Structures are given as C-alpha cells and as structure tokens.
Amino acid sequence: MDQVDWAQLLEAIRAGRSQAALAADLGISQSLTSKLLRGVRQPGPRVIRGIIATRPELAEWVSRSYLGPWA
C-alpha cells in the first residue's frame, strides 16, 4: 500500500479555510493541526476520528489507509 500524504489530505479537507477552523472541525488543537499540515506529525486515532466525523464519505478509505493490513 502506498504511503498516504496526510498533510495533502488535510489541506483538501481544509479547503482554504483557516487552520483554526480545520482544528475545530477535527476536534484537535490548532498547534497539532499546524504540525500535521507541515508534515511534522502523523495523525493519531483522535485525528482519524475527526477526519471521519468531518468527511464520512472517506471513512473506509481513511480507516484502511491508517490501519494498513490490519483494517
């Protein structure tokens, strides 16, 4: 399975809005959002839950991408 560019996915979800708005949607801090967007951090379970809550149509893909062969 190819590596997921989580920063690119989050930028797409962000859709030109502020980091603070994306953070609020995902239920995480703006500081963590910044680190994720810069590629300094990888998402954990809380971020994955936030992505799925914000974009339910991506739930299966995000879960499989995050869990890999364990999905």
N, C-alpha and C. Protein backbone atom coordinates (compact mmCIF):
# COMPACT_ATOMS: atom_id res chain seq x y z
N MET A 1 0.85 -1.18 0.00
CA MET A 1 0.00 0.00 0.00
C MET A 1 0.89 1.24 0.00
N ASP A 2 0.52 2.21 -0.81
CA ASP A 2 1.28 3.45 -0.89
C ASP A 2 1.11 4.25 0.39
N GLN A 3 2.14 5.05 0.69
CA GLN A 3 2.06 5.94 1.84
C GLN A 3 1.03 7.03 1.57
N VAL A 4 0.27 7.37 2.58
CA VAL A 4 -0.72 8.44 2.47
C VAL A 4 -0.05 9.76 2.80
N ASP A 5 -0.29 10.76 1.99
CA ASP A 5 0.17 12.11 2.30
C ASP A 5 -0.93 12.78 3.12
N TRP A 6 -0.84 12.59 4.44
CA TRP A 6 -1.88 13.10 5.34
C TRP A 6 -1.98 14.61 5.27
N ALA A 7 -0.84 15.29 5.10
CA ALA A 7 -0.87 16.75 5.00
C ALA A 7 -1.69 17.19 3.79
N GLN A 8 -1.51 16.51 2.68
CA GLN A 8 -2.27 16.85 1.46
C GLN A 8 -3.76 16.57 1.67
N LEU A 9 -4.08 15.46 2.30
CA LEU A 9 -5.49 15.16 2.58
C LEU A 9 -6.10 16.23 3.47
N LEU A 10 -5.38 16.63 4.51
CA LEU A 10 -5.91 17.65 5.42
C LEU A 10 -6.04 19.00 4.73
N GLU A 11 -5.12 19.32 3.82
CA GLU A 11 -5.26 20.57 3.05
C GLU A 11 -6.52 20.53 2.20
N ALA A 12 -6.82 19.37 1.62
CA ALA A 12 -8.04 19.24 0.82
C ALA A 12 -9.29 19.41 1.68
N ILE A 13 -9.27 18.82 2.87
CA ILE A 13 -10.40 18.96 3.80
C ILE A 13 -10.51 20.40 4.28
N ARG A 14 -9.38 21.03 4.49
CA ARG A 14 -9.33 22.43 4.94
C ARG A 14 -10.01 23.36 3.93
N ALA A 15 -9.80 23.11 2.66
CA ALA A 15 -10.46 23.84 1.56
C ALA A 15 -10.33 25.36 1.68
N GLY A 16 -9.13 25.82 1.98
CA GLY A 16 -8.88 27.26 2.01
C GLY A 16 -9.30 27.97 3.29
N ARG A 17 -9.85 27.22 4.22
CA ARG A 17 -10.25 27.83 5.49
C ARG A 17 -9.04 27.94 6.40
N SER A 18 -9.21 28.55 7.53
CA SER A 18 -8.10 28.73 8.48
C SER A 18 -7.75 27.42 9.16
N GLN A 19 -6.54 27.37 9.69
CA GLN A 19 -6.12 26.21 10.48
C GLN A 19 -7.01 26.06 11.71
N ALA A 20 -7.41 27.17 12.29
CA ALA A 20 -8.27 27.12 13.48
C ALA A 20 -9.62 26.48 13.14
N ALA A 21 -10.16 26.79 11.98
CA ALA A 21 -11.44 26.20 11.56
C ALA A 21 -11.29 24.70 11.35
N LEU A 22 -10.20 24.29 10.71
CA LEU A 22 -9.96 22.86 10.50
C LEU A 22 -9.78 22.16 11.84
N ALA A 23 -9.02 22.78 12.73
CA ALA A 23 -8.80 22.20 14.06
C ALA A 23 -10.13 22.00 14.79
N ALA A 24 -10.99 22.99 14.74
CA ALA A 24 -12.29 22.89 15.40
C ALA A 24 -13.12 21.75 14.80
N ASP A 25 -13.10 21.62 13.47
CA ASP A 25 -13.83 20.54 12.82
C ASP A 25 -13.32 19.17 13.25
N LEU A 26 -12.01 19.05 13.38
CA LEU A 26 -11.40 17.76 13.71
C LEU A 26 -11.38 17.48 15.21
N GLY A 27 -11.62 18.51 16.03
CA GLY A 27 -11.61 18.34 17.47
C GLY A 27 -10.20 18.24 18.04
N ILE A 28 -9.26 18.96 17.41
CA ILE A 28 -7.87 18.96 17.87
C ILE A 28 -7.40 20.41 18.01
N SER A 29 -6.22 20.59 18.56
CA SER A 29 -5.69 21.94 18.75
C SER A 29 -5.17 22.51 17.42
N GLN A 30 -5.10 23.81 17.36
CA GLN A 30 -4.56 24.47 16.17
C GLN A 30 -3.08 24.15 16.04
N SER A 31 -2.39 23.99 17.16
CA SER A 31 -0.98 23.66 17.15
C SER A 31 -0.74 22.29 16.48
N LEU A 32 -1.54 21.29 16.86
CA LEU A 32 -1.42 19.97 16.24
C LEU A 32 -1.78 20.05 14.76
N THR A 33 -2.80 20.82 14.44
CA THR A 33 -3.19 20.99 13.03
C THR A 33 -2.03 21.53 12.22
N SER A 34 -1.35 22.52 12.75
CA SER A 34 -0.20 23.10 12.06
C SER A 34 0.89 22.05 11.83
N LYS A 35 1.17 21.26 12.84
CA LYS A 35 2.19 20.22 12.72
C LYS A 35 1.81 19.15 11.69
N LEU A 36 0.54 18.81 11.66
CA LEU A 36 0.06 17.83 10.67
C LEU A 36 0.17 18.39 9.25
N LEU A 37 -0.21 19.65 9.08
CA LEU A 37 -0.18 20.27 7.75
C LEU A 37 1.25 20.44 7.25
N ARG A 38 2.20 20.62 8.17
CA ARG A 38 3.60 20.76 7.77
C ARG A 38 4.31 19.41 7.62
N GLY A 39 3.62 18.34 8.00
CA GLY A 39 4.21 17.02 7.89
C GLY A 39 5.15 16.66 9.03
N VAL A 40 5.12 17.46 10.09
CA VAL A 40 5.97 17.22 11.25
C VAL A 40 5.42 16.06 12.09
N ARG A 41 4.11 15.94 12.13
CA ARG A 41 3.43 14.87 12.88
C ARG A 41 2.55 14.06 11.94
N GLN A 42 2.32 12.82 12.32
CA GLN A 42 1.39 11.95 11.62
C GLN A 42 0.12 11.87 12.47
N PRO A 43 -1.02 11.61 11.85
CA PRO A 43 -2.26 11.57 12.62
C PRO A 43 -2.32 10.37 13.55
N GLY A 44 -2.97 10.60 14.67
CA GLY A 44 -3.26 9.52 15.61
C GLY A 44 -4.75 9.22 15.55
N PRO A 45 -5.21 8.36 16.44
CA PRO A 45 -6.63 7.97 16.43
C PRO A 45 -7.61 9.14 16.54
N ARG A 46 -7.29 10.15 17.35
CA ARG A 46 -8.19 11.29 17.50
C ARG A 46 -8.34 12.04 16.17
N VAL A 47 -7.25 12.23 15.47
CA VAL A 47 -7.30 12.92 14.18
C VAL A 47 -8.09 12.09 13.17
N ILE A 48 -7.86 10.79 13.15
CA ILE A 48 -8.58 9.91 12.24
C ILE A 48 -10.08 9.97 12.52
N ARG A 49 -10.45 9.94 13.80
CA ARG A 49 -11.87 10.06 14.15
C ARG A 49 -12.43 11.40 13.68
N GLY A 50 -11.63 12.46 13.81
CA GLY A 50 -12.07 13.78 13.37
C GLY A 50 -12.27 13.85 11.87
N ILE A 51 -11.35 13.25 11.12
CA ILE A 51 -11.48 13.23 9.66
C ILE A 51 -12.75 12.49 9.27
N ILE A 52 -12.98 11.34 9.89
CA ILE A 52 -14.17 10.53 9.57
C ILE A 52 -15.44 11.27 9.95
N ALA A 53 -15.44 11.97 11.09
CA ALA A 53 -16.63 12.72 11.50
C ALA A 53 -16.90 13.88 10.55
N THR A 54 -15.82 14.51 10.06
CA THR A 54 -15.95 15.66 9.17
C THR A 54 -16.30 15.24 7.75
N ARG A 55 -15.70 14.14 7.31
CA ARG A 55 -15.89 13.65 5.93
C ARG A 55 -16.25 12.17 5.95
N PRO A 56 -17.48 11.83 6.35
CA PRO A 56 -17.86 10.42 6.48
C PRO A 56 -17.71 9.61 5.20
N GLU A 57 -17.77 10.27 4.06
CA GLU A 57 -17.61 9.55 2.79
C GLU A 57 -16.20 8.98 2.62
N LEU A 58 -15.24 9.47 3.42
CA LEU A 58 -13.87 8.98 3.36
C LEU A 58 -13.57 7.92 4.42
N ALA A 59 -14.58 7.56 5.21
CA ALA A 59 -14.36 6.69 6.38
C ALA A 59 -13.64 5.40 6.04
N GLU A 60 -14.11 4.67 5.07
CA GLU A 60 -13.50 3.38 4.75
C GLU A 60 -12.07 3.57 4.26
N TRP A 61 -11.85 4.50 3.34
CA TRP A 61 -10.52 4.73 2.80
C TRP A 61 -9.54 5.18 3.88
N VAL A 62 -9.97 6.13 4.71
CA VAL A 62 -9.10 6.65 5.77
C VAL A 62 -8.77 5.54 6.77
N SER A 63 -9.76 4.75 7.15
CA SER A 63 -9.52 3.65 8.09
C SER A 63 -8.52 2.65 7.52
N ARG A 64 -8.70 2.26 6.28
CA ARG A 64 -7.78 1.30 5.66
C ARG A 64 -6.38 1.90 5.49
N SER A 65 -6.32 3.17 5.14
CA SER A 65 -5.02 3.82 4.96
C SER A 65 -4.29 3.95 6.29
N TYR A 66 -5.01 4.23 7.35
CA TYR A 66 -4.41 4.40 8.66
C TYR A 66 -3.99 3.07 9.26
N LEU A 67 -4.85 2.06 9.15
CA LEU A 67 -4.60 0.78 9.77
C LEU A 67 -3.78 -0.17 8.90
N GLY A 68 -3.72 0.11 7.61
CA GLY A 68 -2.97 -0.74 6.69
C GLY A 68 -3.55 -2.13 6.63
N PRO A 69 -2.69 -3.14 6.66
CA PRO A 69 -3.17 -4.51 6.52
C PRO A 69 -4.01 -5.01 7.68
N TRP A 70 -4.07 -4.26 8.77
CA TRP A 70 -4.86 -4.66 9.94
C TRP A 70 -6.31 -4.22 9.84
N ALA A 71 -6.65 -3.47 8.79
CA ALA A 71 -8.02 -2.95 8.63
C ALA A 71 -8.98 -4.08 8.30
